[in-house]
Amino acid sequence: MKRYFIHLQNKEYTPKDATVLLERARELVRGAIVRDSRVSKKYIEFDTSIPDSMGIDDLVGRLQKISPIASFEHIVEKDLPKDEAIKHAIELFNEEKYWGTHEALEAVWKATPKGSERDLINGIILVAAAFVHDLKDERDICLSILGRAMKKLDGASGSYHGIDMDRFVGLVNRILQTGRIERFTI
């Protein structure tokens, strides 16, 4: 089995549609696995696995009955240098591809010794994971994970690989204080 994130263009759906879109995708791609769907402003993201006998073009062709293709990515563990992995994670975060952000930062987090930097990376991963749940209209889970993220981000400030951590922490704090989830760029 090969795993892919499929990103369809989104012009009309909201996170409230994630479950319906997941069911529709599963109907369209019998023989493949559609694990999850997430709906951002720009994309409908499907986390899929296909058997070796099925080509990605076949899967994409079927899913385009929902909306036109924007992109797809074969998910394989990447061993990128730290700076490159973080830069890639920032790009993914800003595109609202939060699960990809998590994936990109996980190897960096695992390779970082215990301490404040490791906690900071884990905090960023948790914010991305929280936003994954927001894309599935799971508000309470999102807020809970953001609370866990803030524990990891305690004391984070300044710039981390171009991320303004004061702004980042402030925006997460504002979400937790107001209860209103507003996704942001970094």
C-alpha atoms as a PDB file:
ATOM      1  CA  MET A   1       0.000   0.000   0.000  1.00  0.00           C
ATOM      2  CA  LYS A   2       1.149   3.526  -0.833  1.00  0.00           C
ATOM      3  CA  ARG A   3      -0.039   6.479   1.210  1.00  0.00           C
ATOM      4  CA  TYR A   4      -1.000   9.829  -0.345  1.00  0.00           C
ATOM      5  CA  PHE A   5      -2.446  13.124   0.773  1.00  0.00           C
ATOM      6  CA  ILE A   6      -4.795  14.262  -1.976  1.00  0.00           C
ATOM      7  CA  HIS A   7      -5.667  17.974  -2.052  1.00  0.00           C
ATOM      8  CA  LEU A   8      -8.713  19.006  -4.033  1.00  0.00           C
ATOM      9  CA  GLN A   9      -9.592  22.632  -4.665  1.00  0.00           C
ATOM     10  CA  ASN A  10     -12.164  23.930  -2.229  1.00  0.00           C
ATOM     11  CA  LYS A  11     -14.622  26.584  -3.274  1.00  0.00           C
ATOM     12  CA  GLU A  12     -17.749  25.708  -1.321  1.00  0.00           C
ATOM     13  CA  TYR A  13     -17.135  23.347   1.574  1.00  0.00           C
ATOM     14  CA  THR A  14     -16.513  24.010   5.261  1.00  0.00           C
ATOM     15  CA  PRO A  15     -15.166  21.777   8.032  1.00  0.00           C
ATOM     16  CA  LYS A  16     -18.792  20.870   8.825  1.00  0.00           C
ATOM     17  CA  ASP A  17     -18.789  18.972   5.500  1.00  0.00           C
ATOM     18  CA  ALA A  18     -15.768  16.795   6.372  1.00  0.00           C
ATOM     19  CA  THR A  19     -17.780  13.695   7.351  1.00  0.00           C
ATOM     20  CA  VAL A  20     -20.020  13.850   4.279  1.00  0.00           C
ATOM     21  CA  LEU A  21     -16.980  14.332   2.041  1.00  0.00           C
ATOM     22  CA  LEU A  22     -15.242  11.371   3.687  1.00  0.00           C
ATOM     23  CA  GLU A  23     -18.255   9.139   3.000  1.00  0.00           C
ATOM     24  CA  ARG A  24     -18.454  10.362  -0.621  1.00  0.00           C
ATOM     25  CA  ALA A  25     -14.735   9.749  -1.183  1.00  0.00           C
ATOM     26  CA  ARG A  26     -14.998   6.231   0.228  1.00  0.00           C
ATOM     27  CA  GLU A  27     -17.860   5.492  -2.190  1.00  0.00           C
ATOM     28  CA  LEU A  28     -15.822   6.782  -5.138  1.00  0.00           C
ATOM     29  CA  VAL A  29     -12.588   4.928  -4.416  1.00  0.00           C
ATOM     30  CA  ARG A  30     -13.623   1.425  -3.497  1.00  0.00           C
ATOM     31  CA  GLY A  31     -10.492  -0.696  -3.367  1.00  0.00           C
ATOM     32  CA  ALA A  32      -8.507   2.118  -1.748  1.00  0.00           C
ATOM     33  CA  ILE A  33      -8.531   3.343   1.840  1.00  0.00           C
ATOM     34  CA  VAL A  34      -9.652   6.864   2.681  1.00  0.00           C
ATOM     35  CA  ARG A  35      -8.682   7.334   6.326  1.00  0.00           C
ATOM     36  CA  ASP A  36      -9.746  10.899   6.880  1.00  0.00           C
ATOM     37  CA  SER A  37     -10.919  14.135   5.313  1.00  0.00           C
ATOM     38  CA  ARG A  38     -10.098  17.674   6.344  1.00  0.00           C
ATOM     39  CA  VAL A  39     -11.552  20.882   4.921  1.00  0.00           C
ATOM     40  CA  SER A  40      -9.577  24.132   4.887  1.00  0.00           C
ATOM     41  CA  LYS A  41     -10.418  27.357   3.106  1.00  0.00           C
ATOM     42  CA  LYS A  42      -8.335  26.329   0.082  1.00  0.00           C
ATOM     43  CA  TYR A  43      -8.351  22.518   0.103  1.00  0.00           C
ATOM     44  CA  ILE A  44     -10.264  19.355   0.722  1.00  0.00           C
ATOM     45  CA  GLU A  45      -7.601  16.965   1.991  1.00  0.00           C
ATOM     46  CA  PHE A  46      -7.963  13.198   1.902  1.00  0.00           C
ATOM     47  CA  ASP A  47      -5.539  10.898   3.693  1.00  0.00           C
ATOM     48  CA  THR A  48      -5.500   7.803   1.487  1.00  0.00           C
ATOM     49  CA  SER A  49      -3.735   4.524   0.871  1.00  0.00           C
ATOM     50  CA  ILE A  50      -3.893   2.637  -2.382  1.00  0.00           C
ATOM     51  CA  PRO A  51      -2.908  -0.914  -3.236  1.00  0.00           C
ATOM     52  CA  ASP A  52       0.139  -1.354  -5.449  1.00  0.00           C
ATOM     53  CA  SER A  53      -2.207  -2.449  -8.249  1.00  0.00           C
ATOM     54  CA  MET A  54      -3.949   0.962  -8.313  1.00  0.00           C
ATOM     55  CA  GLY A  55      -2.276   4.024  -9.784  1.00  0.00           C
ATOM     56  CA  ILE A  56      -2.443   7.475  -8.278  1.00  0.00           C
ATOM     57  CA  ASP A  57      -4.012   8.812 -11.488  1.00  0.00           C
ATOM     58  CA  ASP A  58      -6.931   6.409 -11.042  1.00  0.00           C
ATOM     59  CA  LEU A  59      -7.455   7.541  -7.440  1.00  0.00           C
ATOM     60  CA  VAL A  60      -7.207  11.235  -8.336  1.00  0.00           C
ATOM     61  CA  GLY A  61      -9.534  10.769 -11.298  1.00  0.00           C
ATOM     62  CA  ARG A  62     -12.206   9.286  -9.073  1.00  0.00           C
ATOM     63  CA  LEU A  63     -11.859  11.946  -6.366  1.00  0.00           C
ATOM     64  CA  GLN A  64     -12.107  14.758  -8.928  1.00  0.00           C
ATOM     65  CA  LYS A  65     -15.814  13.986  -9.087  1.00  0.00           C
ATOM     66  CA  ILE A  66     -15.931  15.935  -5.811  1.00  0.00           C
ATOM     67  CA  SER A  67     -13.747  18.864  -6.888  1.00  0.00           C
ATOM     68  CA  PRO A  68     -10.757  19.515  -9.182  1.00  0.00           C
ATOM     69  CA  ILE A  69      -7.327  18.341  -8.063  1.00  0.00           C
ATOM     70  CA  ALA A  70      -4.969  20.896  -6.512  1.00  0.00           C
ATOM     71  CA  SER A  71      -2.079  18.554  -5.647  1.00  0.00           C
ATOM     72  CA  PHE A  72      -1.130  15.213  -4.170  1.00  0.00           C
ATOM     73  CA  GLU A  73       1.822  14.040  -2.155  1.00  0.00           C
ATOM     74  CA  HIS A  74       3.213  10.549  -1.716  1.00  0.00           C
ATOM     75  CA  ILE A  75       3.769  10.194   2.017  1.00  0.00           C
ATOM     76  CA  VAL A  76       7.130   8.677   2.782  1.00  0.00           C
ATOM     77  CA  GLU A  77       9.424   9.370   5.687  1.00  0.00           C
ATOM     78  CA  LYS A  78      11.760  12.138   4.630  1.00  0.00           C
ATOM     79  CA  ASP A  79      15.153  12.683   6.176  1.00  0.00           C
ATOM     80  CA  LEU A  80      15.575  16.395   5.537  1.00  0.00           C
ATOM     81  CA  PRO A  81      18.154  18.605   7.229  1.00  0.00           C
ATOM     82  CA  LYS A  82      16.613  20.423  10.202  1.00  0.00           C
ATOM     83  CA  ASP A  83      16.499  23.888   8.577  1.00  0.00           C
ATOM     84  CA  GLU A  84      14.921  22.488   5.419  1.00  0.00           C
ATOM     85  CA  ALA A  85      12.366  20.430   7.363  1.00  0.00           C
ATOM     86  CA  ILE A  86      11.312  23.445   9.430  1.00  0.00           C
ATOM     87  CA  LYS A  87      11.070  25.653   6.338  1.00  0.00           C
ATOM     88  CA  HIS A  88       8.903  22.994   4.660  1.00  0.00           C
ATOM     89  CA  ALA A  89       6.733  22.723   7.789  1.00  0.00           C
ATOM     90  CA  ILE A  90       6.188  26.495   7.814  1.00  0.00           C
ATOM     91  CA  GLU A  91       5.096  26.394   4.157  1.00  0.00           C
ATOM     92  CA  LEU A  92       2.673  23.553   4.894  1.00  0.00           C
ATOM     93  CA  PHE A  93       1.278  25.327   7.967  1.00  0.00           C
ATOM     94  CA  ASN A  94       0.664  28.479   5.941  1.00  0.00           C
ATOM     95  CA  GLU A  95      -1.159  26.432   3.290  1.00  0.00           C
ATOM     96  CA  GLU A  96      -3.403  24.956   6.025  1.00  0.00           C
ATOM     97  CA  LYS A  97      -1.871  21.523   5.436  1.00  0.00           C
ATOM     98  CA  TYR A  98      -1.593  20.887   9.127  1.00  0.00           C
ATOM     99  CA  TRP A  99      -1.155  17.124   9.110  1.00  0.00           C
ATOM    100  CA  GLY A 100       1.729  17.567   6.694  1.00  0.00           C
ATOM    101  CA  THR A 101       3.189  20.147   9.099  1.00  0.00           C
ATOM    102  CA  HIS A 102       3.029  17.559  11.857  1.00  0.00           C
ATOM    103  CA  GLU A 103       4.713  14.966   9.643  1.00  0.00           C
ATOM    104  CA  ALA A 104       7.474  17.387   8.583  1.00  0.00           C
ATOM    105  CA  LEU A 105       8.310  18.375  12.166  1.00  0.00           C
ATOM    106  CA  GLU A 106       8.082  14.958  13.798  1.00  0.00           C
ATOM    107  CA  ALA A 107      11.533  13.808  12.658  1.00  0.00           C
ATOM    108  CA  VAL A 108      13.036  17.120  13.815  1.00  0.00           C
ATOM    109  CA  TRP A 109      11.330  16.753  17.198  1.00  0.00           C
ATOM    110  CA  LYS A 110      12.562  13.168  17.615  1.00  0.00           C
ATOM    111  CA  ALA A 111      16.147  14.196  16.785  1.00  0.00           C
ATOM    112  CA  THR A 112      16.162  17.153  19.187  1.00  0.00           C
ATOM    113  CA  PRO A 113      17.519  16.506  22.701  1.00  0.00           C
ATOM    114  CA  LYS A 114      15.151  16.961  25.636  1.00  0.00           C
ATOM    115  CA  GLY A 115      14.844  20.570  26.674  1.00  0.00           C
ATOM    116  CA  SER A 116      13.232  23.862  25.728  1.00  0.00           C
ATOM    117  CA  GLU A 117      13.808  23.545  21.963  1.00  0.00           C
ATOM    118  CA  ARG A 118      12.251  20.079  21.888  1.00  0.00           C
ATOM    119  CA  ASP A 119       9.255  21.396  23.864  1.00  0.00           C
ATOM    120  CA  LEU A 120       8.913  24.354  21.471  1.00  0.00           C
ATOM    121  CA  ILE A 121       8.877  22.025  18.447  1.00  0.00           C
ATOM    122  CA  ASN A 122       6.355  19.789  20.192  1.00  0.00           C
ATOM    123  CA  GLY A 123       4.208  22.854  20.898  1.00  0.00           C
ATOM    124  CA  ILE A 124       4.189  23.805  17.215  1.00  0.00           C
ATOM    125  CA  ILE A 125       3.313  20.206  16.294  1.00  0.00           C
ATOM    126  CA  LEU A 126       0.434  20.275  18.781  1.00  0.00           C
ATOM    127  CA  VAL A 127      -0.921  23.538  17.331  1.00  0.00           C
ATOM    128  CA  ALA A 128      -0.856  21.937  13.875  1.00  0.00           C
ATOM    129  CA  ALA A 129      -2.579  18.826  15.278  1.00  0.00           C
ATOM    130  CA  ALA A 130      -5.213  21.020  16.932  1.00  0.00           C
ATOM    131  CA  PHE A 131      -5.926  22.742  13.628  1.00  0.00           C
ATOM    132  CA  VAL A 132      -6.298  19.302  11.981  1.00  0.00           C
ATOM    133  CA  HIS A 133      -9.248  18.785  14.315  1.00  0.00           C
ATOM    134  CA  ASP A 134     -10.641  22.224  13.483  1.00  0.00           C
ATOM    135  CA  LEU A 135     -10.597  21.194   9.802  1.00  0.00           C
ATOM    136  CA  LYS A 136     -12.854  18.301  10.808  1.00  0.00           C
ATOM    137  CA  ASP A 137     -15.216  20.549  12.808  1.00  0.00           C
ATOM    138  CA  GLU A 138     -14.007  19.098  16.115  1.00  0.00           C
ATOM    139  CA  ARG A 139     -13.867  22.336  18.088  1.00  0.00           C
ATOM    140  CA  ASP A 140     -13.579  20.904  21.597  1.00  0.00           C
ATOM    141  CA  ILE A 141     -10.733  18.572  20.625  1.00  0.00           C
ATOM    142  CA  CYS A 142      -8.971  21.477  18.908  1.00  0.00           C
ATOM    143  CA  LEU A 143      -9.190  23.655  22.017  1.00  0.00           C
ATOM    144  CA  SER A 144      -8.033  20.825  24.267  1.00  0.00           C
ATOM    145  CA  ILE A 145      -4.944  20.198  22.147  1.00  0.00           C
ATOM    146  CA  LEU A 146      -4.197  23.932  22.007  1.00  0.00           C
ATOM    147  CA  GLY A 147      -4.212  23.898  25.813  1.00  0.00           C
ATOM    148  CA  ARG A 148      -1.632  21.089  25.781  1.00  0.00           C
ATOM    149  CA  ALA A 149       0.399  23.043  23.219  1.00  0.00           C
ATOM    150  CA  MET A 150       0.553  26.079  25.501  1.00  0.00           C
ATOM    151  CA  LYS A 151       2.153  23.963  28.234  1.00  0.00           C
ATOM    152  CA  LYS A 152       4.921  23.039  25.782  1.00  0.00           C
ATOM    153  CA  LEU A 153       5.255  26.628  24.556  1.00  0.00           C
ATOM    154  CA  ASP A 154       5.635  28.054  28.066  1.00  0.00           C
ATOM    155  CA  GLY A 155       8.505  30.520  27.927  1.00  0.00           C
ATOM    156  CA  ALA A 156       8.848  30.420  24.128  1.00  0.00           C
ATOM    157  CA  SER A 157       9.736  33.838  22.727  1.00  0.00           C
ATOM    158  CA  GLY A 158      11.815  35.526  20.085  1.00  0.00           C
ATOM    159  CA  SER A 159      12.355  34.017  16.666  1.00  0.00           C
ATOM    160  CA  TYR A 160      12.652  30.310  15.935  1.00  0.00           C
ATOM    161  CA  HIS A 161      13.712  29.600  12.342  1.00  0.00           C
ATOM    162  CA  GLY A 162      11.785  32.673  11.206  1.00  0.00           C
ATOM    163  CA  ILE A 163       8.694  31.993  13.330  1.00  0.00           C
ATOM    164  CA  ASP A 164       7.811  34.940  15.567  1.00  0.00           C
ATOM    165  CA  MET A 165       7.174  32.912  18.707  1.00  0.00           C
ATOM    166  CA  ASP A 166       5.785  35.888  20.660  1.00  0.00           C
ATOM    167  CA  ARG A 167       3.106  36.330  17.982  1.00  0.00           C
ATOM    168  CA  PHE A 168       2.551  32.564  17.683  1.00  0.00           C
ATOM    169  CA  VAL A 169       2.054  32.099  21.431  1.00  0.00           C
ATOM    170  CA  GLY A 170      -0.095  35.242  21.591  1.00  0.00           C
ATOM    171  CA  LEU A 171      -2.428  34.000  18.861  1.00  0.00           C
ATOM    172  CA  VAL A 172      -2.833  30.596  20.504  1.00  0.00           C
ATOM    173  CA  ASN A 173      -3.496  32.302  23.849  1.00  0.00           C
ATOM    174  CA  ARG A 174      -6.141  34.507  22.234  1.00  0.00           C
ATOM    175  CA  ILE A 175      -7.908  31.446  20.813  1.00  0.00           C
ATOM    176  CA  LEU A 176      -7.915  29.810  24.234  1.00  0.00           C
ATOM    177  CA  GLN A 177      -9.131  32.976  25.977  1.00  0.00           C
ATOM    178  CA  THR A 178     -11.948  33.706  23.515  1.00  0.00           C
ATOM    179  CA  GLY A 179     -12.851  30.136  22.574  1.00  0.00           C
ATOM    180  CA  ARG A 180     -13.007  31.337  18.963  1.00  0.00           C
ATOM    181  CA  ILE A 181     -10.734  29.332  16.688  1.00  0.00           C
ATOM    182  CA  GLU A 182      -9.005  31.483  14.128  1.00  0.00           C
ATOM    183  CA  ARG A 183      -6.320  29.729  12.120  1.00  0.00           C
ATOM    184  CA  PHE A 184      -3.313  31.888  11.317  1.00  0.00           C
ATOM    185  CA  THR A 185      -0.095  31.864   9.306  1.00  0.00           C
ATOM    186  CA  ILE A 186       3.417  31.827  10.697  1.00  0.00           C
END
